[in-house]
Amino acid sequence: MNTNALMDIGLLALLTAAKLAAPVLITALVVGFAISLIQSITQIQEVTLSFVPKAAAVAIVLLITGHWMISEMVDFTNALFQKIPSLLSGA
């Protein structure tokens, strides 16, 4: 296995991880910002007020995008398994 193949696998793994994490992270960011804005306007500083809506929004996003995430991971894994013969032969 040469370094180029290893770098390609690493790049694909990082891109797949970023693609899978993006919906959850963006949702948590947007909901957290909105709740934080509401808290600063109303001056209510309750910890559970920011945690519960964020957790609910992330759960909803996982329910909506879960099938897509699993299919992306299966595609990535299948692509890795298909590369095994070329990696072992050194071509």
PDB file of N, CA and C in Angstrom:
ATOM      1  N   MET A   1       0.859  -1.172   0.000  1.00  0.00           N
ATOM      2  CA  MET A   1       0.000   0.000   0.000  1.00  0.00           C
ATOM      3  C   MET A   1       0.904   1.233   0.000  1.00  0.00           C
ATOM      4  N   ASN A   2       0.688   2.101  -0.962  1.00  0.00           N
ATOM      5  CA  ASN A   2       1.505   3.306  -1.033  1.00  0.00           C
ATOM      6  C   ASN A   2       0.847   4.459  -0.269  1.00  0.00           C
ATOM      7  N   THR A   3       1.582   5.536  -0.127  1.00  0.00           N
ATOM      8  CA  THR A   3       1.084   6.657   0.673  1.00  0.00           C
ATOM      9  C   THR A   3      -0.077   7.380   0.007  1.00  0.00           C
ATOM     10  N   ASN A   4      -0.111   7.377  -1.326  1.00  0.00           N
ATOM     11  CA  ASN A   4      -1.220   8.035  -2.016  1.00  0.00           C
ATOM     12  C   ASN A   4      -2.547   7.339  -1.738  1.00  0.00           C
ATOM     13  N   ALA A   5      -2.542   6.024  -1.733  1.00  0.00           N
ATOM     14  CA  ALA A   5      -3.767   5.273  -1.439  1.00  0.00           C
ATOM     15  C   ALA A   5      -4.206   5.524  -0.006  1.00  0.00           C
ATOM     16  N   LEU A   6      -3.248   5.575   0.898  1.00  0.00           N
ATOM     17  CA  LEU A   6      -3.573   5.842   2.299  1.00  0.00           C
ATOM     18  C   LEU A   6      -4.142   7.249   2.473  1.00  0.00           C
ATOM     19  N   MET A   7      -3.587   8.206   1.781  1.00  0.00           N
ATOM     20  CA  MET A   7      -4.094   9.581   1.845  1.00  0.00           C
ATOM     21  C   MET A   7      -5.494   9.677   1.241  1.00  0.00           C
ATOM     22  N   ASP A   8      -5.740   8.947   0.159  1.00  0.00           N
ATOM     23  CA  ASP A   8      -7.071   8.938  -0.445  1.00  0.00           C
ATOM     24  C   ASP A   8      -8.112   8.351   0.507  1.00  0.00           C
ATOM     25  N   ILE A   9      -7.761   7.271   1.172  1.00  0.00           N
ATOM     26  CA  ILE A   9      -8.682   6.651   2.129  1.00  0.00           C
ATOM     27  C   ILE A   9      -8.941   7.592   3.301  1.00  0.00           C
ATOM     28  N   GLY A  10      -7.895   8.223   3.785  1.00  0.00           N
ATOM     29  CA  GLY A  10      -8.055   9.175   4.889  1.00  0.00           C
ATOM     30  C   GLY A  10      -8.908  10.368   4.506  1.00  0.00           C
ATOM     31  N   LEU A  11      -8.711  10.880   3.303  1.00  0.00           N
ATOM     32  CA  LEU A  11      -9.506  12.012   2.822  1.00  0.00           C
ATOM     33  C   LEU A  11     -10.969  11.626   2.670  1.00  0.00           C
ATOM     34  N   LEU A  12     -11.232  10.442   2.108  1.00  0.00           N
ATOM     35  CA  LEU A  12     -12.608   9.979   1.974  1.00  0.00           C
ATOM     36  C   LEU A  12     -13.265   9.772   3.334  1.00  0.00           C
ATOM     37  N   ALA A  13     -12.499   9.267   4.297  1.00  0.00           N
ATOM     38  CA  ALA A  13     -13.044   9.057   5.640  1.00  0.00           C
ATOM     39  C   ALA A  13     -13.390  10.388   6.297  1.00  0.00           C
ATOM     40  N   LEU A  14     -12.518  11.376   6.167  1.00  0.00           N
ATOM     41  CA  LEU A  14     -12.789  12.687   6.752  1.00  0.00           C
ATOM     42  C   LEU A  14     -13.971  13.378   6.080  1.00  0.00           C
ATOM     43  N   LEU A  15     -14.053  13.281   4.768  1.00  0.00           N
ATOM     44  CA  LEU A  15     -15.175  13.897   4.057  1.00  0.00           C
ATOM     45  C   LEU A  15     -16.491  13.225   4.423  1.00  0.00           C
ATOM     46  N   THR A  16     -16.469  11.911   4.549  1.00  0.00           N
ATOM     47  CA  THR A  16     -17.682  11.189   4.939  1.00  0.00           C
ATOM     48  C   THR A  16     -18.096  11.562   6.358  1.00  0.00           C
ATOM     49  N   ALA A  17     -17.133  11.657   7.259  1.00  0.00           N
ATOM     50  CA  ALA A  17     -17.444  12.035   8.642  1.00  0.00           C
ATOM     51  C   ALA A  17     -18.018  13.453   8.703  1.00  0.00           C
ATOM     52  N   ALA A  18     -17.459  14.364   7.943  1.00  0.00           N
ATOM     53  CA  ALA A  18     -17.969  15.737   7.933  1.00  0.00           C
ATOM     54  C   ALA A  18     -19.367  15.802   7.333  1.00  0.00           C
ATOM     55  N   LYS A  19     -19.578  15.020   6.275  1.00  0.00           N
ATOM     56  CA  LYS A  19     -20.895  15.006   5.634  1.00  0.00           C
ATOM     57  C   LYS A  19     -21.963  14.429   6.561  1.00  0.00           C
ATOM     58  N   LEU A  20     -21.592  13.434   7.353  1.00  0.00           N
ATOM     59  CA  LEU A  20     -22.545  12.816   8.266  1.00  0.00           C
ATOM     60  C   LEU A  20     -22.797  13.681   9.505  1.00  0.00           C
ATOM     61  N   ALA A  21     -21.805  14.407   9.943  1.00  0.00           N
ATOM     62  CA  ALA A  21     -21.956  15.222  11.149  1.00  0.00           C
ATOM     63  C   ALA A  21     -22.626  16.565  10.871  1.00  0.00           C
ATOM     64  N   ALA A  22     -22.597  17.022   9.633  1.00  0.00           N
ATOM     65  CA  ALA A  22     -23.090  18.361   9.311  1.00  0.00           C
ATOM     66  C   ALA A  22     -24.556  18.603   9.678  1.00  0.00           C
ATOM     67  N   PRO A  23     -25.503  17.731   9.345  1.00  0.00           N
ATOM     68  CA  PRO A  23     -26.894  18.029   9.698  1.00  0.00           C
ATOM     69  C   PRO A  23     -27.128  18.183  11.198  1.00  0.00           C
ATOM     70  N   VAL A  24     -26.497  17.322  11.978  1.00  0.00           N
ATOM     71  CA  VAL A  24     -26.683  17.367  13.429  1.00  0.00           C
ATOM     72  C   VAL A  24     -26.032  18.623  14.005  1.00  0.00           C
ATOM     73  N   LEU A  25     -24.809  18.911  13.584  1.00  0.00           N
ATOM     74  CA  LEU A  25     -24.100  20.064  14.125  1.00  0.00           C
ATOM     75  C   LEU A  25     -24.740  21.381  13.721  1.00  0.00           C
ATOM     76  N   ILE A  26     -25.176  21.485  12.477  1.00  0.00           N
ATOM     77  CA  ILE A  26     -25.808  22.728  12.022  1.00  0.00           C
ATOM     78  C   ILE A  26     -27.132  22.941  12.743  1.00  0.00           C
ATOM     79  N   THR A  27     -27.886  21.874  12.942  1.00  0.00           N
ATOM     80  CA  THR A  27     -29.150  21.993  13.676  1.00  0.00           C
ATOM     81  C   THR A  27     -28.909  22.440  15.111  1.00  0.00           C
ATOM     82  N   ALA A  28     -27.944  21.825  15.781  1.00  0.00           N
ATOM     83  CA  ALA A  28     -27.641  22.210  17.156  1.00  0.00           C
ATOM     84  C   ALA A  28     -27.164  23.659  17.223  1.00  0.00           C
ATOM     85  N   LEU A  29     -26.398  24.084  16.232  1.00  0.00           N
ATOM     86  CA  LEU A  29     -25.915  25.464  16.194  1.00  0.00           C
ATOM     87  C   LEU A  29     -27.055  26.450  16.017  1.00  0.00           C
ATOM     88  N   VAL A  30     -27.940  26.186  15.067  1.00  0.00           N
ATOM     89  CA  VAL A  30     -29.044  27.110  14.786  1.00  0.00           C
ATOM     90  C   VAL A  30     -30.020  27.168  15.957  1.00  0.00           C
ATOM     91  N   VAL A  31     -30.388  26.017  16.490  1.00  0.00           N
ATOM     92  CA  VAL A  31     -31.331  25.992  17.621  1.00  0.00           C
ATOM     93  C   VAL A  31     -30.689  26.625  18.858  1.00  0.00           C
ATOM     94  N   GLY A  32     -29.429  26.325  19.102  1.00  0.00           N
ATOM     95  CA  GLY A  32     -28.729  26.922  20.232  1.00  0.00           C
ATOM     96  C   GLY A  32     -28.637  28.427  20.118  1.00  0.00           C
ATOM     97  N   PHE A  33     -28.368  28.923  18.921  1.00  0.00           N
ATOM     98  CA  PHE A  33     -28.307  30.367  18.710  1.00  0.00           C
ATOM     99  C   PHE A  33     -29.669  31.015  18.907  1.00  0.00           C
ATOM    100  N   ALA A  34     -30.713  30.381  18.394  1.00  0.00           N
ATOM    101  CA  ALA A  34     -32.065  30.940  18.545  1.00  0.00           C
ATOM    102  C   ALA A  34     -32.486  30.968  20.014  1.00  0.00           C
ATOM    103  N   ILE A  35     -32.236  29.901  20.734  1.00  0.00           N
ATOM    104  CA  ILE A  35     -32.587  29.855  22.156  1.00  0.00           C
ATOM    105  C   ILE A  35     -31.750  30.863  22.938  1.00  0.00           C
ATOM    106  N   SER A  36     -30.483  30.972  22.590  1.00  0.00           N
ATOM    107  CA  SER A  36     -29.618  31.938  23.260  1.00  0.00           C
ATOM    108  C   SER A  36     -30.088  33.369  23.015  1.00  0.00           C
ATOM    109  N   LEU A  37     -30.531  33.630  21.802  1.00  0.00           N
ATOM    110  CA  LEU A  37     -31.060  34.956  21.480  1.00  0.00           C
ATOM    111  C   LEU A  37     -32.331  35.242  22.272  1.00  0.00           C
ATOM    112  N   ILE A  38     -33.211  34.262  22.357  1.00  0.00           N
ATOM    113  CA  ILE A  38     -34.446  34.423  23.137  1.00  0.00           C
ATOM    114  C   ILE A  38     -34.124  34.613  24.619  1.00  0.00           C
ATOM    115  N   GLN A  39     -33.149  33.856  25.128  1.00  0.00           N
ATOM    116  CA  GLN A  39     -32.773  34.002  26.530  1.00  0.00           C
ATOM    117  C   GLN A  39     -32.181  35.382  26.816  1.00  0.00           C
ATOM    118  N   SER A  40     -31.396  35.894  25.887  1.00  0.00           N
ATOM    119  CA  SER A  40     -30.820  37.212  26.128  1.00  0.00           C
ATOM    120  C   SER A  40     -31.865  38.316  26.018  1.00  0.00           C
ATOM    121  N   ILE A  41     -32.874  38.137  25.191  1.00  0.00           N
ATOM    122  CA  ILE A  41     -33.941  39.138  25.079  1.00  0.00           C
ATOM    123  C   ILE A  41     -34.818  39.121  26.328  1.00  0.00           C
ATOM    124  N   THR A  42     -35.184  37.922  26.786  1.00  0.00           N
ATOM    125  CA  THR A  42     -36.086  37.816  27.935  1.00  0.00           C
ATOM    126  C   THR A  42     -35.348  37.784  29.270  1.00  0.00           C
ATOM    127  N   GLN A  43     -34.040  37.688  29.261  1.00  0.00           N
ATOM    128  CA  GLN A  43     -33.185  37.623  30.439  1.00  0.00           C
ATOM    129  C   GLN A  43     -33.530  36.434  31.346  1.00  0.00           C
ATOM    130  N   ILE A  44     -33.957  35.337  30.744  1.00  0.00           N
ATOM    131  CA  ILE A  44     -34.190  34.087  31.471  1.00  0.00           C
ATOM    132  C   ILE A  44     -32.953  33.219  31.254  1.00  0.00           C
ATOM    133  N   GLN A  45     -32.231  32.915  32.320  1.00  0.00           N
ATOM    134  CA  GLN A  45     -30.996  32.135  32.205  1.00  0.00           C
ATOM    135  C   GLN A  45     -31.181  30.769  32.848  1.00  0.00           C
ATOM    136  N   GLU A  46     -31.969  29.948  32.229  1.00  0.00           N
ATOM    137  CA  GLU A  46     -32.214  28.583  32.711  1.00  0.00           C
ATOM    138  C   GLU A  46     -31.477  27.605  31.800  1.00  0.00           C
ATOM    139  N   VAL A  47     -30.697  26.704  32.388  1.00  0.00           N
ATOM    140  CA  VAL A  47     -29.875  25.776  31.611  1.00  0.00           C
ATOM    141  C   VAL A  47     -30.744  24.804  30.824  1.00  0.00           C
ATOM    142  N   THR A  48     -31.798  24.289  31.448  1.00  0.00           N
ATOM    143  CA  THR A  48     -32.634  23.308  30.758  1.00  0.00           C
ATOM    144  C   THR A  48     -33.404  23.931  29.604  1.00  0.00           C
ATOM    145  N   LEU A  49     -33.601  25.232  29.650  1.00  0.00           N
ATOM    146  CA  LEU A  49     -34.300  25.903  28.560  1.00  0.00           C
ATOM    147  C   LEU A  49     -33.500  25.840  27.263  1.00  0.00           C
ATOM    148  N   SER A  50     -32.191  25.795  27.365  1.00  0.00           N
ATOM    149  CA  SER A  50     -31.379  25.692  26.154  1.00  0.00           C
ATOM    150  C   SER A  50     -31.101  24.242  25.769  1.00  0.00           C
ATOM    151  N   PHE A  51     -31.081  23.343  26.756  1.00  0.00           N
ATOM    152  CA  PHE A  51     -30.723  21.957  26.464  1.00  0.00           C
ATOM    153  C   PHE A  51     -31.859  21.156  25.844  1.00  0.00           C
ATOM    154  N   VAL A  52     -33.038  21.286  26.372  1.00  0.00           N
ATOM    155  CA  VAL A  52     -34.162  20.456  25.937  1.00  0.00           C
ATOM    156  C   VAL A  52     -34.540  20.713  24.479  1.00  0.00           C
ATOM    157  N   PRO A  53     -34.716  21.976  24.034  1.00  0.00           N
ATOM    158  CA  PRO A  53     -35.037  22.174  22.611  1.00  0.00           C
ATOM    159  C   PRO A  53     -33.919  21.714  21.678  1.00  0.00           C
ATOM    160  N   LYS A  54     -32.676  21.897  22.106  1.00  0.00           N
ATOM    161  CA  LYS A  54     -31.557  21.460  21.276  1.00  0.00           C
ATOM    162  C   LYS A  54     -31.539  19.941  21.146  1.00  0.00           C
ATOM    163  N   ALA A  55     -31.771  19.241  22.247  1.00  0.00           N
ATOM    164  CA  ALA A  55     -31.799  17.774  22.213  1.00  0.00           C
ATOM    165  C   ALA A  55     -32.972  17.275  21.371  1.00  0.00           C
ATOM    166  N   ALA A  56     -34.109  17.933  21.479  1.00  0.00           N
ATOM    167  CA  ALA A  56     -35.271  17.530  20.678  1.00  0.00           C
ATOM    168  C   ALA A  56     -35.022  17.766  19.187  1.00  0.00           C
ATOM    169  N   ALA A  57     -34.428  18.897  18.859  1.00  0.00           N
ATOM    170  CA  ALA A  57     -34.150  19.196  17.447  1.00  0.00           C
ATOM    171  C   ALA A  57     -33.143  18.218  16.860  1.00  0.00           C
ATOM    172  N   VAL A  58     -32.120  17.877  17.625  1.00  0.00           N
ATOM    173  CA  VAL A  58     -31.123  16.911  17.150  1.00  0.00           C
ATOM    174  C   VAL A  58     -31.761  15.533  16.978  1.00  0.00           C
ATOM    175  N   ALA A  59     -32.649  15.151  17.886  1.00  0.00           N
ATOM    176  CA  ALA A  59     -33.340  13.863  17.751  1.00  0.00           C
ATOM    177  C   ALA A  59     -34.205  13.829  16.496  1.00  0.00           C
ATOM    178  N   ILE A  60     -34.887  14.921  16.212  1.00  0.00           N
ATOM    179  CA  ILE A  60     -35.725  14.995  15.006  1.00  0.00           C
ATOM    180  C   ILE A  60     -34.864  14.906  13.754  1.00  0.00           C
ATOM    181  N   VAL A  61     -33.731  15.610  13.755  1.00  0.00           N
ATOM    182  CA  VAL A  61     -32.833  15.560  12.597  1.00  0.00           C
ATOM    183  C   VAL A  61     -32.278  14.154  12.411  1.00  0.00           C
ATOM    184  N   LEU A  62     -31.945  13.476  13.499  1.00  0.00           N
ATOM    185  CA  LEU A  62     -31.455  12.098  13.377  1.00  0.00           C
ATOM    186  C   LEU A  62     -32.530  11.163  12.841  1.00  0.00           C
ATOM    187  N   LEU A  63     -33.785  11.391  13.227  1.00  0.00           N
ATOM    188  CA  LEU A  63     -34.877  10.576  12.689  1.00  0.00           C
ATOM    189  C   LEU A  63     -35.069  10.828  11.195  1.00  0.00           C
ATOM    190  N   ILE A  64     -34.928  12.073  10.783  1.00  0.00           N
ATOM    191  CA  ILE A  64     -35.142  12.422   9.377  1.00  0.00           C
ATOM    192  C   ILE A  64     -33.981  11.958   8.505  1.00  0.00           C
ATOM    193  N   THR A  65     -32.749  12.178   8.962  1.00  0.00           N
ATOM    194  CA  THR A  65     -31.582  11.898   8.125  1.00  0.00           C
ATOM    195  C   THR A  65     -30.898  10.572   8.449  1.00  0.00           C
ATOM    196  N   GLY A  66     -31.451   9.803   9.388  1.00  0.00           N
ATOM    197  CA  GLY A  66     -30.801   8.561   9.798  1.00  0.00           C
ATOM    198  C   GLY A  66     -30.613   7.562   8.675  1.00  0.00           C
ATOM    199  N   HIS A  67     -31.635   7.393   7.851  1.00  0.00           N
ATOM    200  CA  HIS A  67     -31.535   6.437   6.737  1.00  0.00           C
ATOM    201  C   HIS A  67     -30.450   6.869   5.752  1.00  0.00           C
ATOM    202  N   TRP A  68     -30.389   8.166   5.466  1.00  0.00           N
ATOM    203  CA  TRP A  68     -29.365   8.682   4.560  1.00  0.00           C
ATOM    204  C   TRP A  68     -27.970   8.469   5.148  1.00  0.00           C
ATOM    205  N   MET A  69     -27.828   8.706   6.458  1.00  0.00           N
ATOM    206  CA  MET A  69     -26.521   8.532   7.103  1.00  0.00           C
ATOM    207  C   MET A  69     -26.060   7.084   7.032  1.00  0.00           C
ATOM    208  N   ILE A  70     -26.969   6.166   7.292  1.00  0.00           N
ATOM    209  CA  ILE A  70     -26.606   4.748   7.242  1.00  0.00           C
ATOM    210  C   ILE A  70     -26.233   4.337   5.814  1.00  0.00           C
ATOM    211  N   SER A  71     -26.985   4.809   4.829  1.00  0.00           N
ATOM    212  CA  SER A  71     -26.663   4.444   3.449  1.00  0.00           C
ATOM    213  C   SER A  71     -25.324   5.046   3.015  1.00  0.00           C
ATOM    214  N   GLU A  72     -24.992   6.233   3.491  1.00  0.00           N
ATOM    215  CA  GLU A  72     -23.682   6.821   3.176  1.00  0.00           C
ATOM    216  C   GLU A  72     -22.551   5.995   3.791  1.00  0.00           C
ATOM    217  N   MET A  73     -22.732   5.549   5.019  1.00  0.00           N
ATOM    218  CA  MET A  73     -21.707   4.729   5.665  1.00  0.00           C
ATOM    219  C   MET A  73     -21.566   3.367   4.980  1.00  0.00           C
ATOM    220  N   VAL A  74     -22.678   2.795   4.557  1.00  0.00           N
ATOM    221  CA  VAL A  74     -22.613   1.509   3.844  1.00  0.00           C
ATOM    222  C   VAL A  74     -21.908   1.696   2.503  1.00  0.00           C
ATOM    223  N   ASP A  75     -22.194   2.775   1.792  1.00  0.00           N
ATOM    224  CA  ASP A  75     -21.512   3.044   0.525  1.00  0.00           C
ATOM    225  C   ASP A  75     -20.009   3.232   0.739  1.00  0.00           C
ATOM    226  N   PHE A  76     -19.644   3.967   1.782  1.00  0.00           N
ATOM    227  CA  PHE A  76     -18.227   4.178   2.089  1.00  0.00           C
ATOM    228  C   PHE A  76     -17.538   2.857   2.415  1.00  0.00           C
ATOM    229  N   THR A  77     -18.187   2.024   3.207  1.00  0.00           N
ATOM    230  CA  THR A  77     -17.614   0.730   3.575  1.00  0.00           C
ATOM    231  C   THR A  77     -17.487  -0.180   2.360  1.00  0.00           C
ATOM    232  N   ASN A  78     -18.500  -0.185   1.504  1.00  0.00           N
ATOM    233  CA  ASN A  78     -18.423  -0.988   0.278  1.00  0.00           C
ATOM    234  C   ASN A  78     -17.289  -0.506  -0.621  1.00  0.00           C
ATOM    235  N   ALA A  79     -17.102   0.801  -0.711  1.00  0.00           N
ATOM    236  CA  ALA A  79     -16.005   1.335  -1.518  1.00  0.00           C
ATOM    237  C   ALA A  79     -14.652   0.900  -0.953  1.00  0.00           C
ATOM    238  N   LEU A  80     -14.536   0.880   0.365  1.00  0.00           N
ATOM    239  CA  LEU A  80     -13.282   0.411   0.979  1.00  0.00           C
ATOM    240  C   LEU A  80     -13.048  -1.068   0.702  1.00  0.00           C
ATOM    241  N   PHE A  81     -14.103  -1.876   0.816  1.00  0.00           N
ATOM    242  CA  PHE A  81     -13.954  -3.304   0.545  1.00  0.00           C
ATOM    243  C   PHE A  81     -13.589  -3.561  -0.916  1.00  0.00           C
ATOM    244  N   GLN A  82     -14.109  -2.752  -1.827  1.00  0.00           N
ATOM    245  CA  GLN A  82     -13.771  -2.925  -3.236  1.00  0.00           C
ATOM    246  C   GLN A  82     -12.326  -2.515  -3.528  1.00  0.00           C
ATOM    247  N   LYS A  83     -11.753  -1.647  -2.703  1.00  0.00           N
ATOM    248  CA  LYS A  83     -10.355  -1.216  -2.908  1.00  0.00           C
ATOM    249  C   LYS A  83      -9.341  -2.201  -2.346  1.00  0.00           C
ATOM    250  N   ILE A  84      -9.780  -3.153  -1.549  1.00  0.00           N
ATOM    251  CA  ILE A  84      -8.835  -4.066  -0.898  1.00  0.00           C
ATOM    252  C   ILE A  84      -7.948  -4.818  -1.906  1.00  0.00           C
ATOM    253  N   PRO A  85      -8.478  -5.387  -2.991  1.00  0.00           N
ATOM    254  CA  PRO A  85      -7.585  -6.104  -3.927  1.00  0.00           C
ATOM    255  C   PRO A  85      -6.527  -5.187  -4.551  1.00  0.00           C
ATOM    256  N   SER A  86      -6.920  -3.966  -4.902  1.00  0.00           N
ATOM    257  CA  SER A  86      -5.922  -3.068  -5.502  1.00  0.00           C
ATOM    258  C   SER A  86      -4.908  -2.595  -4.474  1.00  0.00           C
ATOM    259  N   LEU A  87      -5.297  -2.504  -3.229  1.00  0.00           N
ATOM    260  CA  LEU A  87      -4.350  -2.103  -2.196  1.00  0.00           C
ATOM    261  C   LEU A  87      -3.354  -3.211  -1.885  1.00  0.00           C
ATOM    262  N   LEU A  88      -3.822  -4.451  -1.913  1.00  0.00           N
ATOM    263  CA  LEU A  88      -2.938  -5.563  -1.621  1.00  0.00           C
ATOM    264  C   LEU A  88      -1.999  -5.872  -2.773  1.00  0.00           C
ATOM    265  N   SER A  89      -2.445  -5.623  -4.014  1.00  0.00           N
ATOM    266  CA  SER A  89      -1.588  -5.906  -5.151  1.00  0.00           C
ATOM    267  C   SER A  89      -0.536  -4.821  -5.354  1.00  0.00           C
ATOM    268  N   GLY A  90      -0.766  -3.658  -4.757  1.00  0.00           N
ATOM    269  CA  GLY A  90       0.211  -2.569  -4.881  1.00  0.00           C
ATOM    270  C   GLY A  90       0.051  -1.769  -6.149  1.00  0.00           C
ATOM    271  N   ALA A  91      -1.039  -1.970  -6.886  1.00  0.00           N
ATOM    272  CA  ALA A  91      -1.224  -1.240  -8.130  1.00  0.00           C
ATOM    273  C   ALA A  91      -1.839   0.117  -7.890  1.00  0.00           C
TER     274      ALA A  91
END
